[in-house]
Amino acid sequence: MAPHARPGLSRRGFLAGAGGVAATLALAACGGGGEGGGGGGATRTVEGAGGPVQIPANPQRIVCTDFYTTYALLDVGVTPSGTAQATLGGVLPEYQQTYDAIPKVGTPTALNFEAVAAQSPDLILGTLVPNLPADLGAQLAGIAPTLLLPAAANPGSWGERALRTADAVNRLPQGEQLKASYDQHAQRIRQQYGPTLARTRWALVRGSSGGVFFSDYPTSWSGVVLADSGFRFGQFAAGKTGAGGRLSYEQATQLDDCDVVLHLADTRGGVDANTQTLLAQPAFQQVRAVREGRLFPLPNYYCSHFKQGEAVQSYLETILPRV
């Protein structure tokens, strides 16, 4: 069964230079007559986390071993035949019904190989995140051609992975359109809210266990969306890379130079128990922005694909006039 196109995919034009994104992907296509796969058996070679791999030139049944590649596929109108269960942040509401109907093949760190094989994939896609079995790629390759993409140190690199995912299923032009739309949205925010962005500093926070919380960096999941859109971070996070930095509750005053604090929420606005505990801490409630009423939930905090990035941008546009 071929993947199907989702109606209404944006066809907005590219930004100048957007077409050059393909050149950064290091995906060297080459025709071949390999066995199996879509497109009458034709294959091509692409670069994966462990080196070059041969995949179908036109894959028809795709199983995703994580949820990041699943969302990237849905963005470009391709519904995978199977996916790992989402374990972080929730699903974009507009994708929920489609996502629920996709057969699940375990979680990213505990795949059910029989369930993967039962979907008869001609391509397996995923991300080589930490704590996966060392022989995962070999096990999956025994089922079908497998492309595992590298996991970058910065969670905010999801855009590159989304484009590589789109390329793997011959939807790179659609992926580039999504990136162009996201970039244009960022530029509109910069232009419309320039004075507000120039005078404010922002923080991203999420709760953790053991009396600590994280203040996330401009290279984090949604941090990159803020950075791309012209938001400036407070001193604790500015200029740092990676996901975020750990603070004790008592150290919350390190965020006092921030004018706005955004806290973790899932795609539907739900707040996890650890973050609720953080928000209730007397020390956190004394942070200047919190005390002055500029604490807001950030749905889609764990952003991982372009449509979700635009959802974050649209939400930020509802907050900016209030600060």
C-alpha atoms as a PDB file:
ATOM      1  CA  MET A   1       0.000   0.000   0.000  1.00  0.00           C
ATOM      2  CA  ALA A   2       1.545   3.254  -1.099  1.00  0.00           C
ATOM      3  CA  PRO A   3       1.850   6.168   1.314  1.00  0.00           C
ATOM      4  CA  HIS A   4      -0.796   8.726   0.609  1.00  0.00           C
ATOM      5  CA  ALA A   5      -0.625  12.482   0.285  1.00  0.00           C
ATOM      6  CA  ARG A   6      -2.403  14.525   2.926  1.00  0.00           C
ATOM      7  CA  PRO A   7      -4.767  17.077   1.359  1.00  0.00           C
ATOM      8  CA  GLY A   8      -4.040  20.691   1.991  1.00  0.00           C
ATOM      9  CA  LEU A   9      -0.267  20.464   2.209  1.00  0.00           C
ATOM     10  CA  SER A  10       1.065  23.998   2.010  1.00  0.00           C
ATOM     11  CA  ARG A  11       2.300  25.038  -1.408  1.00  0.00           C
ATOM     12  CA  ARG A  12       3.676  28.388  -0.349  1.00  0.00           C
ATOM     13  CA  GLY A  13       6.738  29.509  -2.232  1.00  0.00           C
ATOM     14  CA  PHE A  14      10.319  29.058  -1.217  1.00  0.00           C
ATOM     15  CA  LEU A  15      12.410  31.726   0.398  1.00  0.00           C
ATOM     16  CA  ALA A  16      15.348  32.840  -1.656  1.00  0.00           C
ATOM     17  CA  GLY A  17      18.004  30.218  -1.313  1.00  0.00           C
ATOM     18  CA  ALA A  18      15.753  27.605   0.283  1.00  0.00           C
ATOM     19  CA  GLY A  19      16.378  25.227  -2.562  1.00  0.00           C
ATOM     20  CA  GLY A  20      19.997  25.071  -1.479  1.00  0.00           C
ATOM     21  CA  VAL A  21      19.052  23.111   1.631  1.00  0.00           C
ATOM     22  CA  ALA A  22      19.336  19.891  -0.332  1.00  0.00           C
ATOM     23  CA  ALA A  23      23.032  20.485  -0.804  1.00  0.00           C
ATOM     24  CA  THR A  24      23.597  20.324   2.939  1.00  0.00           C
ATOM     25  CA  LEU A  25      22.079  16.907   3.408  1.00  0.00           C
ATOM     26  CA  ALA A  26      24.987  14.793   2.136  1.00  0.00           C
ATOM     27  CA  LEU A  27      22.585  12.317   0.600  1.00  0.00           C
ATOM     28  CA  ALA A  28      24.268  10.956  -2.489  1.00  0.00           C
ATOM     29  CA  ALA A  29      21.652   9.397  -4.723  1.00  0.00           C
ATOM     30  CA  CYS A  30      22.651   6.748  -7.184  1.00  0.00           C
ATOM     31  CA  GLY A  31      20.444   4.498  -9.290  1.00  0.00           C
ATOM     32  CA  GLY A  32      20.755   0.758  -9.096  1.00  0.00           C
ATOM     33  CA  GLY A  33      19.048  -2.518  -9.708  1.00  0.00           C
ATOM     34  CA  GLY A  34      18.984  -3.836  -6.161  1.00  0.00           C
ATOM     35  CA  GLU A  35      16.549  -6.503  -5.084  1.00  0.00           C
ATOM     36  CA  GLY A  36      13.271  -5.547  -3.449  1.00  0.00           C
ATOM     37  CA  GLY A  37      11.981  -2.131  -2.483  1.00  0.00           C
ATOM     38  CA  GLY A  38       9.649   0.206  -4.314  1.00  0.00           C
ATOM     39  CA  GLY A  39      10.133   1.664  -7.739  1.00  0.00           C
ATOM     40  CA  GLY A  40      10.525  -1.677  -9.488  1.00  0.00           C
ATOM     41  CA  GLY A  41      13.527  -2.699  -7.388  1.00  0.00           C
ATOM     42  CA  ALA A  42      15.589   0.455  -7.999  1.00  0.00           C
ATOM     43  CA  THR A  43      17.742   1.542  -5.067  1.00  0.00           C
ATOM     44  CA  ARG A  44      19.943   4.447  -4.089  1.00  0.00           C
ATOM     45  CA  THR A  45      22.645   5.003  -1.517  1.00  0.00           C
ATOM     46  CA  VAL A  46      22.194   7.520   1.296  1.00  0.00           C
ATOM     47  CA  GLU A  47      24.267   8.412   4.330  1.00  0.00           C
ATOM     48  CA  GLY A  48      23.082   7.080   7.669  1.00  0.00           C
ATOM     49  CA  ALA A  49      24.439   7.347  11.194  1.00  0.00           C
ATOM     50  CA  GLY A  50      26.810   4.448  10.580  1.00  0.00           C
ATOM     51  CA  GLY A  51      27.785   5.209   6.996  1.00  0.00           C
ATOM     52  CA  PRO A  52      26.235   4.689   3.563  1.00  0.00           C
ATOM     53  CA  VAL A  53      23.199   2.426   3.261  1.00  0.00           C
ATOM     54  CA  GLN A  54      21.195   1.285   0.261  1.00  0.00           C
ATOM     55  CA  ILE A  55      17.473   1.989   0.372  1.00  0.00           C
ATOM     56  CA  PRO A  56      14.601   1.672  -2.112  1.00  0.00           C
ATOM     57  CA  ALA A  57      14.431   4.513  -4.580  1.00  0.00           C
ATOM     58  CA  ASN A  58      10.668   4.721  -4.066  1.00  0.00           C
ATOM     59  CA  PRO A  59       9.716   3.159  -0.710  1.00  0.00           C
ATOM     60  CA  GLN A  60       6.067   2.204  -0.307  1.00  0.00           C
ATOM     61  CA  ARG A  61       5.828   0.725   3.196  1.00  0.00           C
ATOM     62  CA  ILE A  62       7.801   2.597   5.827  1.00  0.00           C
ATOM     63  CA  VAL A  63       8.150   1.685   9.489  1.00  0.00           C
ATOM     64  CA  CYS A  64       9.539   4.326  11.871  1.00  0.00           C
ATOM     65  CA  THR A  65      11.454   3.259  14.954  1.00  0.00           C
ATOM     66  CA  ASP A  66      10.957   6.647  16.600  1.00  0.00           C
ATOM     67  CA  PHE A  67       8.235   9.264  16.537  1.00  0.00           C
ATOM     68  CA  TYR A  68      10.388  12.127  15.192  1.00  0.00           C
ATOM     69  CA  THR A  69      10.612  10.599  11.723  1.00  0.00           C
ATOM     70  CA  THR A  70       6.918   9.706  11.899  1.00  0.00           C
ATOM     71  CA  TYR A  71       5.962  13.342  12.430  1.00  0.00           C
ATOM     72  CA  ALA A  72       8.333  14.462   9.668  1.00  0.00           C
ATOM     73  CA  LEU A  73       6.665  12.001   7.284  1.00  0.00           C
ATOM     74  CA  LEU A  74       3.184  13.203   8.226  1.00  0.00           C
ATOM     75  CA  ASP A  75       4.375  16.761   7.546  1.00  0.00           C
ATOM     76  CA  VAL A  76       5.103  15.861   3.913  1.00  0.00           C
ATOM     77  CA  GLY A  77       1.927  13.849   3.401  1.00  0.00           C
ATOM     78  CA  VAL A  78       3.258  10.326   3.957  1.00  0.00           C
ATOM     79  CA  THR A  79       1.645   8.002   6.481  1.00  0.00           C
ATOM     80  CA  PRO A  80       4.018   5.275   7.706  1.00  0.00           C
ATOM     81  CA  SER A  81       2.879   1.675   7.901  1.00  0.00           C
ATOM     82  CA  GLY A  82       4.108   1.395  11.490  1.00  0.00           C
ATOM     83  CA  THR A  83       5.632   3.608  14.146  1.00  0.00           C
ATOM     84  CA  ALA A  84       7.189   3.518  17.579  1.00  0.00           C
ATOM     85  CA  GLN A  85       4.882   4.835  20.267  1.00  0.00           C
ATOM     86  CA  ALA A  86       5.206   8.553  21.012  1.00  0.00           C
ATOM     87  CA  THR A  87       6.704   8.997  24.469  1.00  0.00           C
ATOM     88  CA  LEU A  88       7.448  12.707  24.659  1.00  0.00           C
ATOM     89  CA  GLY A  89       5.263  15.779  24.501  1.00  0.00           C
ATOM     90  CA  GLY A  90       2.236  14.417  22.676  1.00  0.00           C
ATOM     91  CA  VAL A  91       1.127  14.471  19.050  1.00  0.00           C
ATOM     92  CA  LEU A  92       0.159  17.575  17.110  1.00  0.00           C
ATOM     93  CA  PRO A  93      -3.659  17.570  17.430  1.00  0.00           C
ATOM     94  CA  GLU A  94      -4.240  17.713  13.682  1.00  0.00           C
ATOM     95  CA  TYR A  95      -2.259  14.473  13.335  1.00  0.00           C
ATOM     96  CA  GLN A  96      -3.794  12.639  16.299  1.00  0.00           C
ATOM     97  CA  GLN A  97      -6.417  10.634  14.402  1.00  0.00           C
ATOM     98  CA  THR A  98      -3.984   9.568  11.689  1.00  0.00           C
ATOM     99  CA  TYR A  99      -1.311   8.764  14.266  1.00  0.00           C
ATOM    100  CA  ASP A 100      -3.703   6.670  16.368  1.00  0.00           C
ATOM    101  CA  ALA A 101      -4.530   4.520  13.335  1.00  0.00           C
ATOM    102  CA  ILE A 102      -0.880   3.667  12.594  1.00  0.00           C
ATOM    103  CA  PRO A 103       0.121   0.239  13.983  1.00  0.00           C
ATOM    104  CA  LYS A 104       2.554   0.609  16.887  1.00  0.00           C
ATOM    105  CA  VAL A 105       5.790  -1.394  17.010  1.00  0.00           C
ATOM    106  CA  GLY A 106       6.933  -0.742  20.598  1.00  0.00           C
ATOM    107  CA  THR A 107       8.861   2.258  21.902  1.00  0.00           C
ATOM    108  CA  PRO A 108      12.114   3.694  20.511  1.00  0.00           C
ATOM    109  CA  THR A 109      14.155   1.929  23.215  1.00  0.00           C
ATOM    110  CA  ALA A 110      12.067  -1.278  23.289  1.00  0.00           C
ATOM    111  CA  LEU A 111      11.065  -2.191  19.752  1.00  0.00           C
ATOM    112  CA  ASN A 112       8.957  -5.238  19.011  1.00  0.00           C
ATOM    113  CA  PHE A 113      10.838  -6.728  16.064  1.00  0.00           C
ATOM    114  CA  GLU A 114       8.014  -9.126  15.255  1.00  0.00           C
ATOM    115  CA  ALA A 115       5.635  -6.170  15.015  1.00  0.00           C
ATOM    116  CA  VAL A 116       8.095  -4.372  12.731  1.00  0.00           C
ATOM    117  CA  ALA A 117       8.374  -7.413  10.453  1.00  0.00           C
ATOM    118  CA  ALA A 118       4.589  -7.892  10.459  1.00  0.00           C
ATOM    119  CA  GLN A 119       4.203  -4.600   8.576  1.00  0.00           C
ATOM    120  CA  SER A 120       6.280  -5.986   5.658  1.00  0.00           C
ATOM    121  CA  PRO A 121       8.311  -2.767   5.372  1.00  0.00           C
ATOM    122  CA  ASP A 122      10.506  -2.008   2.412  1.00  0.00           C
ATOM    123  CA  LEU A 123      12.191   0.779   4.438  1.00  0.00           C
ATOM    124  CA  ILE A 124      12.807   1.222   8.158  1.00  0.00           C
ATOM    125  CA  LEU A 125      13.498   4.789   9.321  1.00  0.00           C
ATOM    126  CA  GLY A 126      14.644   6.013  12.698  1.00  0.00           C
ATOM    127  CA  THR A 127      17.138   7.970  14.763  1.00  0.00           C
ATOM    128  CA  LEU A 128      20.167   6.540  16.523  1.00  0.00           C
ATOM    129  CA  VAL A 129      19.431   8.134  19.887  1.00  0.00           C
ATOM    130  CA  PRO A 130      21.439   7.230  23.016  1.00  0.00           C
ATOM    131  CA  ASN A 131      20.761   4.043  24.988  1.00  0.00           C
ATOM    132  CA  LEU A 132      19.742   1.938  21.992  1.00  0.00           C
ATOM    133  CA  PRO A 133      21.112  -1.614  21.615  1.00  0.00           C
ATOM    134  CA  ALA A 134      24.470  -1.658  19.849  1.00  0.00           C
ATOM    135  CA  ASP A 135      23.194  -4.202  17.332  1.00  0.00           C
ATOM    136  CA  LEU A 136      19.886  -2.441  16.638  1.00  0.00           C
ATOM    137  CA  GLY A 137      20.825  -1.500  13.080  1.00  0.00           C
ATOM    138  CA  ALA A 138      21.888  -5.049  12.270  1.00  0.00           C
ATOM    139  CA  GLN A 139      18.681  -6.498  13.715  1.00  0.00           C
ATOM    140  CA  LEU A 140      16.517  -4.101  11.754  1.00  0.00           C
ATOM    141  CA  ALA A 141      18.520  -4.587   8.548  1.00  0.00           C
ATOM    142  CA  GLY A 142      17.638  -8.256   8.787  1.00  0.00           C
ATOM    143  CA  ILE A 143      14.022  -7.241   8.294  1.00  0.00           C
ATOM    144  CA  ALA A 144      14.317  -4.522   5.634  1.00  0.00           C
ATOM    145  CA  PRO A 145      16.703  -1.808   4.396  1.00  0.00           C
ATOM    146  CA  THR A 146      17.255   0.470   7.384  1.00  0.00           C
ATOM    147  CA  LEU A 147      18.219   4.146   7.535  1.00  0.00           C
ATOM    148  CA  LEU A 148      19.048   5.327  11.050  1.00  0.00           C
ATOM    149  CA  LEU A 149      19.808   9.041  11.176  1.00  0.00           C
ATOM    150  CA  PRO A 150      22.342  10.434  13.663  1.00  0.00           C
ATOM    151  CA  ALA A 151      21.105  12.116  16.814  1.00  0.00           C
ATOM    152  CA  ALA A 152      22.714  15.531  17.206  1.00  0.00           C
ATOM    153  CA  ALA A 153      23.839  16.974  20.538  1.00  0.00           C
ATOM    154  CA  ASN A 154      21.357  19.821  20.104  1.00  0.00           C
ATOM    155  CA  PRO A 155      17.657  18.818  20.178  1.00  0.00           C
ATOM    156  CA  GLY A 156      16.922  21.893  18.068  1.00  0.00           C
ATOM    157  CA  SER A 157      18.527  20.226  15.042  1.00  0.00           C
ATOM    158  CA  TRP A 158      15.181  18.565  14.279  1.00  0.00           C
ATOM    159  CA  GLY A 159      14.817  20.612  11.082  1.00  0.00           C
ATOM    160  CA  GLU A 160      17.780  18.936   9.409  1.00  0.00           C
ATOM    161  CA  ARG A 161      16.514  15.503  10.409  1.00  0.00           C
ATOM    162  CA  ALA A 162      13.051  16.348   9.062  1.00  0.00           C
ATOM    163  CA  LEU A 163      14.553  17.272   5.687  1.00  0.00           C
ATOM    164  CA  ARG A 164      16.605  14.084   5.578  1.00  0.00           C
ATOM    165  CA  THR A 165      13.488  12.084   6.401  1.00  0.00           C
ATOM    166  CA  ALA A 166      11.599  13.789   3.582  1.00  0.00           C
ATOM    167  CA  ASP A 167      14.461  13.072   1.194  1.00  0.00           C
ATOM    168  CA  ALA A 168      14.438   9.374   2.106  1.00  0.00           C
ATOM    169  CA  VAL A 169      10.879   9.064   0.766  1.00  0.00           C
ATOM    170  CA  ASN A 170      11.332  11.348  -2.253  1.00  0.00           C
ATOM    171  CA  ARG A 171       9.513  14.282  -0.653  1.00  0.00           C
ATOM    172  CA  LEU A 172      12.424  16.684  -0.228  1.00  0.00           C
ATOM    173  CA  PRO A 173      10.722  19.485  -2.237  1.00  0.00           C
ATOM    174  CA  GLN A 174       7.731  19.270   0.107  1.00  0.00           C
ATOM    175  CA  GLY A 175      10.076  19.315   3.083  1.00  0.00           C
ATOM    176  CA  GLU A 176      11.809  22.409   1.731  1.00  0.00           C
ATOM    177  CA  GLN A 177       8.429  24.093   1.274  1.00  0.00           C
ATOM    178  CA  LEU A 178       7.677  23.475   4.925  1.00  0.00           C
ATOM    179  CA  LYS A 179      11.036  24.893   5.941  1.00  0.00           C
ATOM    180  CA  ALA A 180      10.440  27.959   3.767  1.00  0.00           C
ATOM    181  CA  SER A 181       7.035  28.498   5.371  1.00  0.00           C
ATOM    182  CA  TYR A 182       8.578  28.167   8.842  1.00  0.00           C
ATOM    183  CA  ASP A 183      11.371  30.605   7.929  1.00  0.00           C
ATOM    184  CA  GLN A 184       8.886  33.106   6.528  1.00  0.00           C
ATOM    185  CA  HIS A 185       6.808  32.885   9.696  1.00  0.00           C
ATOM    186  CA  ALA A 186       9.922  33.578  11.776  1.00  0.00           C
ATOM    187  CA  GLN A 187      10.711  36.619   9.662  1.00  0.00           C
ATOM    188  CA  ARG A 188       7.167  37.968  10.070  1.00  0.00           C
ATOM    189  CA  ILE A 189       7.514  37.730  13.849  1.00  0.00           C
ATOM    190  CA  ARG A 190      10.862  39.528  13.754  1.00  0.00           C
ATOM    191  CA  GLN A 191       9.407  42.333  11.658  1.00  0.00           C
ATOM    192  CA  GLN A 192       6.084  42.753  13.462  1.00  0.00           C
ATOM    193  CA  TYR A 193       7.374  42.471  17.024  1.00  0.00           C
ATOM    194  CA  GLY A 194      10.887  43.860  16.658  1.00  0.00           C
ATOM    195  CA  PRO A 195      10.602  46.473  19.447  1.00  0.00           C
ATOM    196  CA  THR A 196       9.157  43.935  21.907  1.00  0.00           C
ATOM    197  CA  LEU A 197      11.815  41.373  21.067  1.00  0.00           C
ATOM    198  CA  ALA A 198      14.545  43.986  21.492  1.00  0.00           C
ATOM    199  CA  ARG A 199      13.505  44.940  25.034  1.00  0.00           C
ATOM    200  CA  THR A 200      12.668  41.489  26.467  1.00  0.00           C
ATOM    201  CA  ARG A 201      14.531  38.386  27.626  1.00  0.00           C
ATOM    202  CA  TRP A 202      12.881  34.966  27.704  1.00  0.00           C
ATOM    203  CA  ALA A 203      13.352  31.690  29.575  1.00  0.00           C
ATOM    204  CA  LEU A 204      12.175  28.136  28.929  1.00  0.00           C
ATOM    205  CA  VAL A 205      11.740  25.883  31.964  1.00  0.00           C
ATOM    206  CA  ARG A 206      10.674  22.300  32.659  1.00  0.00           C
ATOM    207  CA  GLY A 207      10.444  20.410  35.896  1.00  0.00           C
ATOM    208  CA  SER A 208      12.543  17.428  36.885  1.00  0.00           C
ATOM    209  CA  SER A 209      12.809  15.153  39.908  1.00  0.00           C
ATOM    210  CA  GLY A 210      15.003  15.495  42.986  1.00  0.00           C
ATOM    211  CA  GLY A 211      14.443  19.171  43.675  1.00  0.00           C
ATOM    212  CA  VAL A 212      15.837  20.487  40.397  1.00  0.00           C
ATOM    213  CA  PHE A 213      14.532  21.863  37.120  1.00  0.00           C
ATOM    214  CA  PHE A 214      15.940  22.692  33.705  1.00  0.00           C
ATOM    215  CA  SER A 215      16.233  26.049  32.008  1.00  0.00           C
ATOM    216  CA  ASP A 216      16.567  25.252  28.329  1.00  0.00           C
ATOM    217  CA  TYR A 217      18.904  26.757  25.769  1.00  0.00           C
ATOM    218  CA  PRO A 218      18.386  28.371  22.335  1.00  0.00           C
ATOM    219  CA  THR A 219      19.387  25.030  20.752  1.00  0.00           C
ATOM    220  CA  SER A 220      16.697  23.039  22.585  1.00  0.00           C
ATOM    221  CA  TRP A 221      13.481  21.631  21.064  1.00  0.00           C
ATOM    222  CA  SER A 222      11.441  24.837  21.089  1.00  0.00           C
ATOM    223  CA  GLY A 223      14.383  27.037  21.998  1.00  0.00           C
ATOM    224  CA  VAL A 224      15.471  26.978  18.370  1.00  0.00           C
ATOM    225  CA  VAL A 225      12.021  28.224  17.334  1.00  0.00           C
ATOM    226  CA  LEU A 226      12.365  31.213  19.652  1.00  0.00           C
ATOM    227  CA  ALA A 227      15.917  31.879  18.461  1.00  0.00           C
ATOM    228  CA  ASP A 228      14.937  31.653  14.788  1.00  0.00           C
ATOM    229  CA  SER A 229      12.080  34.092  15.425  1.00  0.00           C
ATOM    230  CA  GLY A 230      14.289  36.727  17.061  1.00  0.00           C
ATOM    231  CA  PHE A 231      13.666  36.041  20.752  1.00  0.00           C
ATOM    232  CA  ARG A 232      16.543  36.692  23.152  1.00  0.00           C
ATOM    233  CA  PHE A 233      17.277  34.495  26.155  1.00  0.00           C
ATOM    234  CA  GLY A 234      18.305  35.479  29.646  1.00  0.00           C
ATOM    235  CA  GLN A 235      21.899  35.338  30.792  1.00  0.00           C
ATOM    236  CA  PHE A 236      21.703  31.779  32.113  1.00  0.00           C
ATOM    237  CA  ALA A 237      20.831  30.315  28.682  1.00  0.00           C
ATOM    238  CA  ALA A 238      22.144  32.838  26.157  1.00  0.00           C
ATOM    239  CA  GLY A 239      24.877  31.546  23.899  1.00  0.00           C
ATOM    240  CA  LYS A 240      24.835  28.011  25.304  1.00  0.00           C
ATOM    241  CA  THR A 241      24.342  24.830  23.293  1.00  0.00           C
ATOM    242  CA  GLY A 242      22.702  21.510  24.058  1.00  0.00           C
ATOM    243  CA  ALA A 243      19.321  20.944  25.657  1.00  0.00           C
ATOM    244  CA  GLY A 244      19.434  22.921  28.880  1.00  0.00           C
ATOM    245  CA  GLY A 245      21.043  23.532  32.237  1.00  0.00           C
ATOM    246  CA  ARG A 246      20.045  22.100  35.608  1.00  0.00           C
ATOM    247  CA  LEU A 247      19.151  24.427  38.486  1.00  0.00           C
ATOM    248  CA  SER A 248      17.986  23.743  42.019  1.00  0.00           C
ATOM    249  CA  TYR A 249      14.731  25.358  43.087  1.00  0.00           C
ATOM    250  CA  GLU A 250      16.758  27.761  45.207  1.00  0.00           C
ATOM    251  CA  GLN A 251      18.710  28.844  42.119  1.00  0.00           C
ATOM    252  CA  ALA A 252      15.557  29.978  40.298  1.00  0.00           C
ATOM    253  CA  THR A 253      16.584  33.594  40.959  1.00  0.00           C
ATOM    254  CA  GLN A 254      19.158  33.141  38.172  1.00  0.00           C
ATOM    255  CA  LEU A 255      16.202  33.769  35.858  1.00  0.00           C
ATOM    256  CA  ASP A 256      15.446  37.188  37.358  1.00  0.00           C
ATOM    257  CA  ASP A 257      16.819  38.997  34.308  1.00  0.00           C
ATOM    258  CA  CYS A 258      14.101  37.380  32.168  1.00  0.00           C
ATOM    259  CA  ASP A 259      10.939  39.291  31.367  1.00  0.00           C
ATOM    260  CA  VAL A 260       8.920  36.224  30.348  1.00  0.00           C
ATOM    261  CA  VAL A 261       9.103  32.595  31.471  1.00  0.00           C
ATOM    262  CA  LEU A 262       7.576  29.823  29.365  1.00  0.00           C
ATOM    263  CA  HIS A 263       7.088  26.413  30.939  1.00  0.00           C
ATOM    264  CA  LEU A 264       6.735  22.915  29.567  1.00  0.00           C
ATOM    265  CA  ALA A 265       3.300  21.847  28.324  1.00  0.00           C
ATOM    266  CA  ASP A 266       2.295  19.068  25.963  1.00  0.00           C
ATOM    267  CA  THR A 267       0.617  19.531  22.603  1.00  0.00           C
ATOM    268  CA  ARG A 268      -2.784  20.002  24.265  1.00  0.00           C
ATOM    269  CA  GLY A 269      -1.563  22.260  27.051  1.00  0.00           C
ATOM    270  CA  GLY A 270      -1.224  19.582  29.733  1.00  0.00           C
ATOM    271  CA  VAL A 271       1.453  20.077  32.389  1.00  0.00           C
ATOM    272  CA  ASP A 272       3.399  17.111  33.774  1.00  0.00           C
ATOM    273  CA  ALA A 273       3.732  16.446  37.503  1.00  0.00           C
ATOM    274  CA  ASN A 274       7.376  17.529  37.760  1.00  0.00           C
ATOM    275  CA  THR A 275       6.657  20.876  36.144  1.00  0.00           C
ATOM    276  CA  GLN A 276       3.587  21.383  38.333  1.00  0.00           C
ATOM    277  CA  THR A 277       5.817  20.819  41.351  1.00  0.00           C
ATOM    278  CA  LEU A 278       8.291  23.398  40.026  1.00  0.00           C
ATOM    279  CA  LEU A 279       5.557  25.987  39.476  1.00  0.00           C
ATOM    280  CA  ALA A 280       4.372  25.559  43.068  1.00  0.00           C
ATOM    281  CA  GLN A 281       7.789  26.195  44.635  1.00  0.00           C
ATOM    282  CA  PRO A 282       7.969  29.407  46.696  1.00  0.00           C
ATOM    283  CA  ALA A 283      11.446  30.118  45.310  1.00  0.00           C
ATOM    284  CA  PHE A 284      10.188  29.827  41.732  1.00  0.00           C
ATOM    285  CA  GLN A 285       7.179  32.004  42.460  1.00  0.00           C
ATOM    286  CA  GLN A 286       9.592  34.765  43.487  1.00  0.00           C
ATOM    287  CA  VAL A 287      11.244  34.895  40.051  1.00  0.00           C
ATOM    288  CA  ARG A 288      10.569  38.392  38.737  1.00  0.00           C
ATOM    289  CA  ALA A 289       8.673  37.409  35.586  1.00  0.00           C
ATOM    290  CA  VAL A 290       6.544  34.940  37.548  1.00  0.00           C
ATOM    291  CA  ARG A 291       5.834  37.448  40.291  1.00  0.00           C
ATOM    292  CA  GLU A 292       4.829  40.052  37.711  1.00  0.00           C
ATOM    293  CA  GLY A 293       2.417  37.716  35.905  1.00  0.00           C
ATOM    294  CA  ARG A 294       4.448  36.837  32.820  1.00  0.00           C
ATOM    295  CA  LEU A 295       4.586  33.057  33.228  1.00  0.00           C
ATOM    296  CA  PHE A 296       2.939  31.114  30.397  1.00  0.00           C
ATOM    297  CA  PRO A 297       2.625  27.462  29.390  1.00  0.00           C
ATOM    298  CA  LEU A 298       4.216  26.576  26.051  1.00  0.00           C
ATOM    299  CA  PRO A 299       2.325  23.821  24.233  1.00  0.00           C
ATOM    300  CA  ASN A 300       4.510  21.886  21.783  1.00  0.00           C
ATOM    301  CA  TYR A 301       7.475  22.564  24.065  1.00  0.00           C
ATOM    302  CA  TYR A 302       9.174  19.412  22.769  1.00  0.00           C
ATOM    303  CA  CYS A 303       9.080  20.632  19.171  1.00  0.00           C
ATOM    304  CA  SER A 304      10.384  18.141  16.596  1.00  0.00           C
ATOM    305  CA  HIS A 305       9.073  19.004  13.103  1.00  0.00           C
ATOM    306  CA  PHE A 306       8.246  21.995  10.942  1.00  0.00           C
ATOM    307  CA  LYS A 307       4.452  21.992  11.377  1.00  0.00           C
ATOM    308  CA  GLN A 308       4.988  21.860  15.110  1.00  0.00           C
ATOM    309  CA  GLY A 309       7.503  24.679  14.832  1.00  0.00           C
ATOM    310  CA  GLU A 310       4.862  26.842  13.187  1.00  0.00           C
ATOM    311  CA  ALA A 311       2.410  25.896  15.937  1.00  0.00           C
ATOM    312  CA  VAL A 312       4.924  27.232  18.469  1.00  0.00           C
ATOM    313  CA  GLN A 313       5.354  30.404  16.423  1.00  0.00           C
ATOM    314  CA  SER A 314       1.587  30.964  16.252  1.00  0.00           C
ATOM    315  CA  TYR A 315       1.286  30.502  20.006  1.00  0.00           C
ATOM    316  CA  LEU A 316       4.112  32.951  20.668  1.00  0.00           C
ATOM    317  CA  GLU A 317       2.228  35.505  18.595  1.00  0.00           C
ATOM    318  CA  THR A 318      -0.619  35.305  21.136  1.00  0.00           C
ATOM    319  CA  ILE A 319       1.796  36.102  23.993  1.00  0.00           C
ATOM    320  CA  LEU A 320       3.879  38.886  22.460  1.00  0.00           C
ATOM    321  CA  PRO A 321       1.133  41.551  22.589  1.00  0.00           C
ATOM    322  CA  ARG A 322       0.767  40.850  26.327  1.00  0.00           C
ATOM    323  CA  VAL A 323       4.372  41.588  27.277  1.00  0.00           C
END
